[in-house]
C-alpha cells in the first residue's frame, strides 16, 4: 500500500492543475461559460437586461443608423455646419430686390433720383427733357394723363372782369417763384397751363363767386402776397401722355 501513495498524490496534483482557477469561466460543450457565481453566457448580448438600450458594445451609434465617419446630424445637418450640395444662398441685392427698377426713363420723360453720400437712393419725380422742366402725371380736363410741369401755381384770382385772365399769387418771402401756373376745371383737373409772367401792378382783381365774376381790392394783401400775370399759355397737347394699364 505504501508504494501506491506517491502515485495517488501525483493524480491529485494533476486534477488541481488542469488550467482552471477559482473565478475562471468554464466553457461547456455548447461554448457557454459559467462564472464563479454560476451564471452562464454564450457570448451574445443579453437583450432581456433592462439596462440594455440597443447600443452595440464599443460602437457609437448616430442618428438614423449613421456611423461616426458619416457625421450625420438631425434635420439633415452635417458636422462643422457644412452645407449640402445645392444649398447655395442666392445673391442679395439682385434686380428683383431693387425697387428703383420700377422707374424707367424714356427718351423724353426722364426719371430723377436723389442719392445720399452713403449710397441711399430714392425716386425723385420726372423731368420733361423736351420742355426743360420737372413734371408730374395727372389727369387733365381732356381725360388723358399728362406730365404737367411742377412746381405750379394755382390761379384763384383774375385780372379781368370776365375772370378769364388768371393771376398767380405767391406769399411774400417764399423765395423763388414757380415758373408755371394752372387753372382747373370744375372737376379740379388741369385745364389751362401757363408760364408765370411779370408782377401784376393793378390794385383790383376778380374772383369767381356763385357763377359771377366779382371785383376785389388787392391792396388789402400788400406785404402778404404778390400777384403775377399769366405768361405764355401751353396747350395741353404740349405735354407728354401716359397710358395706364393693369398687369
C-alpha atoms as a PDB file:
ATOM      1  CA  UNK A   1       0.000   0.000   0.000  1.00  0.00           C
ATOM      2  CA  UNK A   2       2.851   2.309   0.784  1.00  0.00           C
ATOM      3  CA  UNK A   3       4.186   2.051  -2.734  1.00  0.00           C
ATOM      4  CA  UNK A   4       0.959   3.446  -4.197  1.00  0.00           C
ATOM      5  CA  UNK A   5       0.921   6.653  -2.122  1.00  0.00           C
ATOM      6  CA  UNK A   6       3.224   8.660  -4.442  1.00  0.00           C
ATOM      7  CA  UNK A   7       1.034   7.764  -7.417  1.00  0.00           C
ATOM      8  CA  UNK A   8      -2.144   8.884  -5.621  1.00  0.00           C
ATOM      9  CA  UNK A   9      -0.562  12.218  -4.669  1.00  0.00           C
ATOM     10  CA  UNK A  10       0.500  12.747  -8.299  1.00  0.00           C
ATOM     11  CA  UNK A  11      -3.023  12.124  -9.592  1.00  0.00           C
ATOM     12  CA  UNK A  12      -4.471  14.532  -7.065  1.00  0.00           C
ATOM     13  CA  UNK A  13      -1.971  17.208  -8.083  1.00  0.00           C
ATOM     14  CA  UNK A  14      -2.769  16.825 -11.787  1.00  0.00           C
ATOM     15  CA  UNK A  15      -6.526  17.189 -11.133  1.00  0.00           C
ATOM     16  CA  UNK A  16      -5.949  20.566  -9.490  1.00  0.00           C
ATOM     17  CA  UNK A  17      -3.706  21.876 -12.322  1.00  0.00           C
ATOM     18  CA  UNK A  18      -5.988  21.393 -15.380  1.00  0.00           C
ATOM     19  CA  UNK A  19      -5.616  25.104 -16.367  1.00  0.00           C
ATOM     20  CA  UNK A  20      -8.565  26.487 -14.417  1.00  0.00           C
ATOM     21  CA  UNK A  21      -8.511  28.625 -11.342  1.00  0.00           C
ATOM     22  CA  UNK A  22     -11.058  29.829  -8.915  1.00  0.00           C
ATOM     23  CA  UNK A  23     -13.206  32.584 -10.592  1.00  0.00           C
ATOM     24  CA  UNK A  24     -12.466  31.479 -14.202  1.00  0.00           C
ATOM     25  CA  UNK A  25     -15.390  30.863 -16.541  1.00  0.00           C
ATOM     26  CA  UNK A  26     -15.595  27.215 -17.569  1.00  0.00           C
ATOM     27  CA  UNK A  27     -16.897  26.582 -21.080  1.00  0.00           C
ATOM     28  CA  UNK A  28     -19.322  23.749 -21.525  1.00  0.00           C
ATOM     29  CA  UNK A  29     -19.858  21.640 -24.596  1.00  0.00           C
ATOM     30  CA  UNK A  30     -22.091  24.343 -26.218  1.00  0.00           C
ATOM     31  CA  UNK A  31     -19.491  27.064 -25.902  1.00  0.00           C
ATOM     32  CA  UNK A  32     -21.252  28.722 -22.969  1.00  0.00           C
ATOM     33  CA  UNK A  33     -19.274  29.701 -19.936  1.00  0.00           C
ATOM     34  CA  UNK A  34     -20.047  29.562 -16.268  1.00  0.00           C
ATOM     35  CA  UNK A  35     -18.545  32.021 -13.810  1.00  0.00           C
ATOM     36  CA  UNK A  36     -17.917  31.541 -10.148  1.00  0.00           C
ATOM     37  CA  UNK A  37     -21.448  32.687  -9.335  1.00  0.00           C
ATOM     38  CA  UNK A  38     -22.995  30.079 -11.548  1.00  0.00           C
ATOM     39  CA  UNK A  39     -24.109  32.499 -14.283  1.00  0.00           C
ATOM     40  CA  UNK A  40     -23.789  31.336 -17.847  1.00  0.00           C
ATOM     41  CA  UNK A  41     -23.064  33.252 -21.009  1.00  0.00           C
ATOM     42  CA  UNK A  42     -22.934  32.309 -24.693  1.00  0.00           C
ATOM     43  CA  UNK A  43     -21.028  35.420 -25.839  1.00  0.00           C
ATOM     44  CA  UNK A  44     -24.108  37.304 -27.010  1.00  0.00           C
ATOM     45  CA  UNK A  45     -25.612  40.430 -25.516  1.00  0.00           C
ATOM     46  CA  UNK A  46     -28.373  39.867 -23.025  1.00  0.00           C
ATOM     47  CA  UNK A  47     -31.291  41.836 -24.544  1.00  0.00           C
ATOM     48  CA  UNK A  48     -33.526  40.933 -21.612  1.00  0.00           C
ATOM     49  CA  UNK A  49     -31.424  43.152 -19.399  1.00  0.00           C
ATOM     50  CA  UNK A  50     -33.493  46.320 -18.592  1.00  0.00           C
ATOM     51  CA  UNK A  51     -30.328  48.408 -18.876  1.00  0.00           C
ATOM     52  CA  UNK A  52     -29.757  47.326 -22.477  1.00  0.00           C
ATOM     53  CA  UNK A  53     -30.549  50.184 -24.891  1.00  0.00           C
ATOM     54  CA  UNK A  54     -29.702  48.589 -28.224  1.00  0.00           C
ATOM     55  CA  UNK A  55     -26.242  50.114 -28.426  1.00  0.00           C
ATOM     56  CA  UNK A  56     -23.604  47.726 -29.636  1.00  0.00           C
ATOM     57  CA  UNK A  57     -20.529  47.386 -27.418  1.00  0.00           C
ATOM     58  CA  UNK A  58     -17.595  49.556 -28.397  1.00  0.00           C
ATOM     59  CA  UNK A  59     -19.618  51.098 -31.255  1.00  0.00           C
ATOM     60  CA  UNK A  60     -21.017  54.606 -31.046  1.00  0.00           C
ATOM     61  CA  UNK A  61     -24.445  54.920 -32.627  1.00  0.00           C
ATOM     62  CA  UNK A  62     -25.502  58.057 -34.550  1.00  0.00           C
ATOM     63  CA  UNK A  63     -28.944  59.233 -35.694  1.00  0.00           C
ATOM     64  CA  UNK A  64     -30.643  57.164 -38.410  1.00  0.00           C
ATOM     65  CA  UNK A  65     -28.036  54.430 -38.211  1.00  0.00           C
ATOM     66  CA  UNK A  66     -25.161  56.554 -39.456  1.00  0.00           C
ATOM     67  CA  UNK A  67     -21.601  55.933 -38.324  1.00  0.00           C
ATOM     68  CA  UNK A  68     -19.094  58.389 -36.845  1.00  0.00           C
ATOM     69  CA  UNK A  69     -17.471  58.649 -40.280  1.00  0.00           C
ATOM     70  CA  UNK A  70     -20.700  59.998 -41.756  1.00  0.00           C
ATOM     71  CA  UNK A  71     -21.031  62.646 -39.058  1.00  0.00           C
ATOM     72  CA  UNK A  72     -24.763  62.796 -39.647  1.00  0.00           C
ATOM     73  CA  UNK A  73     -26.858  65.063 -37.508  1.00  0.00           C
ATOM     74  CA  UNK A  74     -30.604  65.687 -37.143  1.00  0.00           C
ATOM     75  CA  UNK A  75     -32.513  67.703 -39.757  1.00  0.00           C
ATOM     76  CA  UNK A  76     -30.043  66.891 -42.496  1.00  0.00           C
ATOM     77  CA  UNK A  77     -27.238  68.930 -40.955  1.00  0.00           C
ATOM     78  CA  UNK A  78     -23.665  67.771 -41.157  1.00  0.00           C
ATOM     79  CA  UNK A  79     -20.674  68.299 -38.962  1.00  0.00           C
ATOM     80  CA  UNK A  80     -18.991  71.675 -38.969  1.00  0.00           C
ATOM     81  CA  UNK A  81     -22.130  73.258 -40.444  1.00  0.00           C
ATOM     82  CA  UNK A  82     -21.173  72.127 -43.916  1.00  0.00           C
ATOM     83  CA  UNK A  83     -23.905  72.858 -46.404  1.00  0.00           C
ATOM     84  CA  UNK A  84     -25.056  70.024 -48.676  1.00  0.00           C
ATOM     85  CA  UNK A  85     -24.691  70.325 -52.424  1.00  0.00           C
ATOM     86  CA  UNK A  86     -27.286  72.575 -53.990  1.00  0.00           C
ATOM     87  CA  UNK A  87     -27.681  74.669 -50.862  1.00  0.00           C
ATOM     88  CA  UNK A  88     -26.196  77.805 -52.305  1.00  0.00           C
ATOM     89  CA  UNK A  89     -27.511  81.068 -50.948  1.00  0.00           C
ATOM     90  CA  UNK A  90     -28.947  83.353 -53.664  1.00  0.00           C
ATOM     91  CA  UNK A  91     -27.130  86.578 -54.237  1.00  0.00           C
ATOM     92  CA  UNK A  92     -28.591  89.550 -52.403  1.00  0.00           C
ATOM     93  CA  UNK A  93     -29.282  92.885 -53.957  1.00  0.00           C
ATOM     94  CA  UNK A  94     -30.386  91.459 -57.298  1.00  0.00           C
ATOM     95  CA  UNK A  95     -32.583  93.235 -59.780  1.00  0.00           C
ATOM     96  CA  UNK A  96     -35.728  91.737 -58.228  1.00  0.00           C
ATOM     97  CA  UNK A  97     -34.871  93.398 -54.907  1.00  0.00           C
ATOM     98  CA  UNK A  98     -34.287  96.850 -56.428  1.00  0.00           C
ATOM     99  CA  UNK A  99     -37.471  98.972 -56.151  1.00  0.00           C
ATOM    100  CA  UNK A 100     -35.937 101.621 -58.415  1.00  0.00           C
ATOM    101  CA  UNK A 101     -36.286  99.235 -61.358  1.00  0.00           C
ATOM    102  CA  UNK A 102     -39.960 100.270 -61.489  1.00  0.00           C
ATOM    103  CA  UNK A 103     -38.979 103.767 -62.637  1.00  0.00           C
ATOM    104  CA  UNK A 104     -37.741 103.648 -66.201  1.00  0.00           C
ATOM    105  CA  UNK A 105     -36.712 106.688 -68.215  1.00  0.00           C
ATOM    106  CA  UNK A 106     -37.981 107.281 -71.711  1.00  0.00           C
ATOM    107  CA  UNK A 107     -36.398 109.344 -74.466  1.00  0.00           C
ATOM    108  CA  UNK A 108     -38.339 112.453 -73.431  1.00  0.00           C
ATOM    109  CA  UNK A 109     -39.567 111.861 -69.861  1.00  0.00           C
ATOM    110  CA  UNK A 110     -36.606 111.069 -67.629  1.00  0.00           C
ATOM    111  CA  UNK A 111     -36.672 109.602 -64.126  1.00  0.00           C
ATOM    112  CA  UNK A 112     -34.989 111.682 -61.419  1.00  0.00           C
ATOM    113  CA  UNK A 113     -33.324 110.168 -58.365  1.00  0.00           C
ATOM    114  CA  UNK A 114     -31.953 111.521 -55.123  1.00  0.00           C
ATOM    115  CA  UNK A 115     -28.873 109.930 -53.561  1.00  0.00           C
ATOM    116  CA  UNK A 116     -27.268 110.383 -50.145  1.00  0.00           C
ATOM    117  CA  UNK A 117     -23.481 110.368 -49.548  1.00  0.00           C
ATOM    118  CA  UNK A 118     -23.743 106.849 -48.097  1.00  0.00           C
ATOM    119  CA  UNK A 119     -25.416 105.467 -51.229  1.00  0.00           C
ATOM    120  CA  UNK A 120     -29.151 105.515 -50.365  1.00  0.00           C
ATOM    121  CA  UNK A 121     -31.342 106.276 -53.379  1.00  0.00           C
ATOM    122  CA  UNK A 122     -34.922 107.475 -53.831  1.00  0.00           C
ATOM    123  CA  UNK A 123     -37.129 108.209 -56.808  1.00  0.00           C
ATOM    124  CA  UNK A 124     -37.494 111.977 -57.039  1.00  0.00           C
ATOM    125  CA  UNK A 125     -40.005 112.521 -59.836  1.00  0.00           C
ATOM    126  CA  UNK A 126     -39.944 113.053 -63.593  1.00  0.00           C
ATOM    127  CA  UNK A 127     -38.265 115.522 -65.911  1.00  0.00           C
ATOM    128  CA  UNK A 128     -39.585 116.599 -69.324  1.00  0.00           C
ATOM    129  CA  UNK A 129     -36.480 116.665 -71.466  1.00  0.00           C
ATOM    130  CA  UNK A 130     -38.230 118.459 -74.328  1.00  0.00           C
ATOM    131  CA  UNK A 131     -39.738 121.397 -72.426  1.00  0.00           C
ATOM    132  CA  UNK A 132     -36.976 121.501 -69.832  1.00  0.00           C
ATOM    133  CA  UNK A 133     -38.977 121.240 -66.615  1.00  0.00           C
ATOM    134  CA  UNK A 134     -39.849 118.866 -63.803  1.00  0.00           C
ATOM    135  CA  UNK A 135     -43.288 117.347 -64.215  1.00  0.00           C
ATOM    136  CA  UNK A 136     -45.829 115.043 -62.585  1.00  0.00           C
ATOM    137  CA  UNK A 137     -48.521 112.916 -64.196  1.00  0.00           C
ATOM    138  CA  UNK A 138     -52.132 113.992 -63.662  1.00  0.00           C
ATOM    139  CA  UNK A 139     -55.420 113.520 -65.438  1.00  0.00           C
ATOM    140  CA  UNK A 140     -56.229 116.680 -67.391  1.00  0.00           C
ATOM    141  CA  UNK A 141     -59.568 118.244 -68.366  1.00  0.00           C
ATOM    142  CA  UNK A 142     -59.458 116.294 -71.652  1.00  0.00           C
ATOM    143  CA  UNK A 143     -59.367 112.986 -69.710  1.00  0.00           C
ATOM    144  CA  UNK A 144     -55.797 111.996 -70.583  1.00  0.00           C
ATOM    145  CA  UNK A 145     -52.879 111.549 -68.228  1.00  0.00           C
ATOM    146  CA  UNK A 146     -50.096 114.015 -68.997  1.00  0.00           C
ATOM    147  CA  UNK A 147     -46.850 115.063 -67.332  1.00  0.00           C
ATOM    148  CA  UNK A 148     -47.803 118.569 -66.136  1.00  0.00           C
ATOM    149  CA  UNK A 149     -44.950 120.956 -65.145  1.00  0.00           C
ATOM    150  CA  UNK A 150     -44.054 121.312 -61.453  1.00  0.00           C
ATOM    151  CA  UNK A 151     -43.899 123.202 -59.212  1.00  0.00           C
ATOM    152  CA  UNK A 152     -47.014 125.016 -60.344  1.00  0.00           C
ATOM    153  CA  UNK A 153     -49.158 127.872 -59.017  1.00  0.00           C
ATOM    154  CA  UNK A 154     -52.919 127.709 -58.810  1.00  0.00           C
ATOM    155  CA  UNK A 155     -54.935 130.654 -60.159  1.00  0.00           C
ATOM    156  CA  UNK A 156     -57.779 131.718 -57.889  1.00  0.00           C
ATOM    157  CA  UNK A 157     -57.728 135.417 -58.898  1.00  0.00           C
ATOM    158  CA  UNK A 158     -58.140 137.076 -62.266  1.00  0.00           C
ATOM    159  CA  UNK A 159     -57.054 140.324 -63.892  1.00  0.00           C
ATOM    160  CA  UNK A 160     -60.241 140.986 -65.929  1.00  0.00           C
ATOM    161  CA  UNK A 161     -63.935 141.274 -65.174  1.00  0.00           C
ATOM    162  CA  UNK A 162     -64.821 138.129 -67.103  1.00  0.00           C
ATOM    163  CA  UNK A 163     -62.479 136.027 -64.944  1.00  0.00           C
ATOM    164  CA  UNK A 164     -60.595 134.594 -67.906  1.00  0.00           C
ATOM    165  CA  UNK A 165     -57.112 136.080 -67.436  1.00  0.00           C
ATOM    166  CA  UNK A 166     -55.553 134.380 -64.422  1.00  0.00           C
ATOM    167  CA  UNK A 167     -53.361 135.909 -61.735  1.00  0.00           C
ATOM    168  CA  UNK A 168     -50.994 133.777 -59.708  1.00  0.00           C
ATOM    169  CA  UNK A 169     -50.493 134.590 -56.050  1.00  0.00           C
ATOM    170  CA  UNK A 170     -47.266 133.919 -54.105  1.00  0.00           C
ATOM    171  CA  UNK A 171     -46.702 134.529 -50.391  1.00  0.00           C
ATOM    172  CA  UNK A 172     -44.082 137.210 -49.717  1.00  0.00           C
ATOM    173  CA  UNK A 173     -40.790 135.743 -48.505  1.00  0.00           C
ATOM    174  CA  UNK A 174     -41.257 132.332 -50.096  1.00  0.00           C
ATOM    175  CA  UNK A 175     -38.172 132.671 -52.265  1.00  0.00           C
ATOM    176  CA  UNK A 176     -38.056 131.758 -55.937  1.00  0.00           C
ATOM    177  CA  UNK A 177     -41.359 131.935 -57.780  1.00  0.00           C
ATOM    178  CA  UNK A 178     -42.579 128.834 -59.633  1.00  0.00           C
ATOM    179  CA  UNK A 179     -42.278 129.094 -63.402  1.00  0.00           C
ATOM    180  CA  UNK A 180     -45.663 127.545 -64.157  1.00  0.00           C
ATOM    181  CA  UNK A 181     -49.295 128.284 -63.328  1.00  0.00           C
ATOM    182  CA  UNK A 182     -52.525 126.389 -63.947  1.00  0.00           C
ATOM    183  CA  UNK A 183     -56.276 126.867 -63.920  1.00  0.00           C
ATOM    184  CA  UNK A 184     -58.550 123.931 -63.123  1.00  0.00           C
ATOM    185  CA  UNK A 185     -61.913 122.862 -64.490  1.00  0.00           C
ATOM    186  CA  UNK A 186     -64.983 122.177 -62.336  1.00  0.00           C
ATOM    187  CA  UNK A 187     -63.647 118.670 -61.645  1.00  0.00           C
ATOM    188  CA  UNK A 188     -60.323 120.016 -60.302  1.00  0.00           C
ATOM    189  CA  UNK A 189     -58.396 118.819 -63.341  1.00  0.00           C
ATOM    190  CA  UNK A 190     -55.764 120.973 -65.117  1.00  0.00           C
ATOM    191  CA  UNK A 191     -57.470 122.825 -67.958  1.00  0.00           C
ATOM    192  CA  UNK A 192     -55.012 125.578 -68.940  1.00  0.00           C
ATOM    193  CA  UNK A 193     -51.264 125.754 -68.265  1.00  0.00           C
ATOM    194  CA  UNK A 194     -49.242 128.992 -68.413  1.00  0.00           C
ATOM    195  CA  UNK A 195     -45.781 130.189 -67.781  1.00  0.00           C
ATOM    196  CA  UNK A 196     -45.715 132.709 -64.916  1.00  0.00           C
ATOM    197  CA  UNK A 197     -45.210 136.245 -66.186  1.00  0.00           C
ATOM    198  CA  UNK A 198     -44.333 139.592 -64.607  1.00  0.00           C
ATOM    199  CA  UNK A 199     -45.622 141.072 -61.353  1.00  0.00           C
ATOM    200  CA  UNK A 200     -49.199 142.371 -61.627  1.00  0.00           C
ATOM    201  CA  UNK A 201     -49.290 146.121 -60.998  1.00  0.00           C
ATOM    202  CA  UNK A 202     -53.054 146.676 -60.726  1.00  0.00           C
ATOM    203  CA  UNK A 203     -54.861 147.236 -57.457  1.00  0.00           C
ATOM    204  CA  UNK A 204     -58.074 145.472 -58.436  1.00  0.00           C
ATOM    205  CA  UNK A 205     -58.536 141.774 -59.004  1.00  0.00           C
ATOM    206  CA  UNK A 206     -61.503 139.496 -59.609  1.00  0.00           C
ATOM    207  CA  UNK A 207     -62.737 136.217 -58.208  1.00  0.00           C
ATOM    208  CA  UNK A 208     -65.468 133.804 -59.206  1.00  0.00           C
ATOM    209  CA  UNK A 209     -68.358 133.603 -56.806  1.00  0.00           C
ATOM    210  CA  UNK A 210     -71.602 131.727 -57.406  1.00  0.00           C
ATOM    211  CA  UNK A 211     -71.214 131.830 -61.176  1.00  0.00           C
ATOM    212  CA  UNK A 212     -70.350 135.541 -61.158  1.00  0.00           C
ATOM    213  CA  UNK A 213     -67.028 137.412 -61.504  1.00  0.00           C
ATOM    214  CA  UNK A 214     -66.681 139.740 -58.522  1.00  0.00           C
ATOM    215  CA  UNK A 215     -64.112 142.537 -58.092  1.00  0.00           C
ATOM    216  CA  UNK A 216     -61.717 142.600 -55.144  1.00  0.00           C
ATOM    217  CA  UNK A 217     -59.327 145.207 -53.719  1.00  0.00           C
ATOM    218  CA  UNK A 218     -55.913 143.566 -53.871  1.00  0.00           C
ATOM    219  CA  UNK A 219     -54.251 146.289 -51.803  1.00  0.00           C
ATOM    220  CA  UNK A 220     -55.501 144.507 -48.684  1.00  0.00           C
ATOM    221  CA  UNK A 221     -52.939 141.805 -49.449  1.00  0.00           C
ATOM    222  CA  UNK A 222     -49.987 144.197 -49.720  1.00  0.00           C
ATOM    223  CA  UNK A 223     -46.958 142.857 -47.872  1.00  0.00           C
ATOM    224  CA  UNK A 224     -48.575 139.447 -47.592  1.00  0.00           C
ATOM    225  CA  UNK A 225     -48.949 138.238 -51.185  1.00  0.00           C
ATOM    226  CA  UNK A 226     -47.509 139.179 -54.559  1.00  0.00           C
ATOM    227  CA  UNK A 227     -49.609 138.693 -57.694  1.00  0.00           C
ATOM    228  CA  UNK A 228     -48.153 137.666 -61.062  1.00  0.00           C
ATOM    229  CA  UNK A 229     -49.566 137.861 -64.545  1.00  0.00           C
ATOM    230  CA  UNK A 230     -50.041 134.788 -66.715  1.00  0.00           C
ATOM    231  CA  UNK A 231     -47.438 134.479 -69.428  1.00  0.00           C
ATOM    232  CA  UNK A 232     -47.490 132.241 -72.476  1.00  0.00           C
ATOM    233  CA  UNK A 233     -50.122 129.517 -72.439  1.00  0.00           C
ATOM    234  CA  UNK A 234     -49.039 125.983 -73.366  1.00  0.00           C
ATOM    235  CA  UNK A 235     -51.801 123.800 -74.861  1.00  0.00           C
ATOM    236  CA  UNK A 236     -52.344 120.500 -73.040  1.00  0.00           C
ATOM    237  CA  UNK A 237     -51.156 118.677 -76.129  1.00  0.00           C
ATOM    238  CA  UNK A 238     -47.677 120.108 -75.413  1.00  0.00           C
ATOM    239  CA  UNK A 239     -47.234 117.678 -72.506  1.00  0.00           C
ATOM    240  CA  UNK A 240     -46.373 114.012 -72.751  1.00  0.00           C
ATOM    241  CA  UNK A 241     -49.198 111.498 -72.335  1.00  0.00           C
ATOM    242  CA  UNK A 242     -49.135 108.246 -70.341  1.00  0.00           C
ATOM    243  CA  UNK A 243     -51.205 105.124 -70.968  1.00  0.00           C
ATOM    244  CA  UNK A 244     -52.466 103.342 -67.848  1.00  0.00           C
ATOM    245  CA  UNK A 245     -52.604  99.529 -67.821  1.00  0.00           C
ATOM    246  CA  UNK A 246     -53.178  96.794 -65.257  1.00  0.00           C
ATOM    247  CA  UNK A 247     -50.866  93.776 -65.193  1.00  0.00           C
END
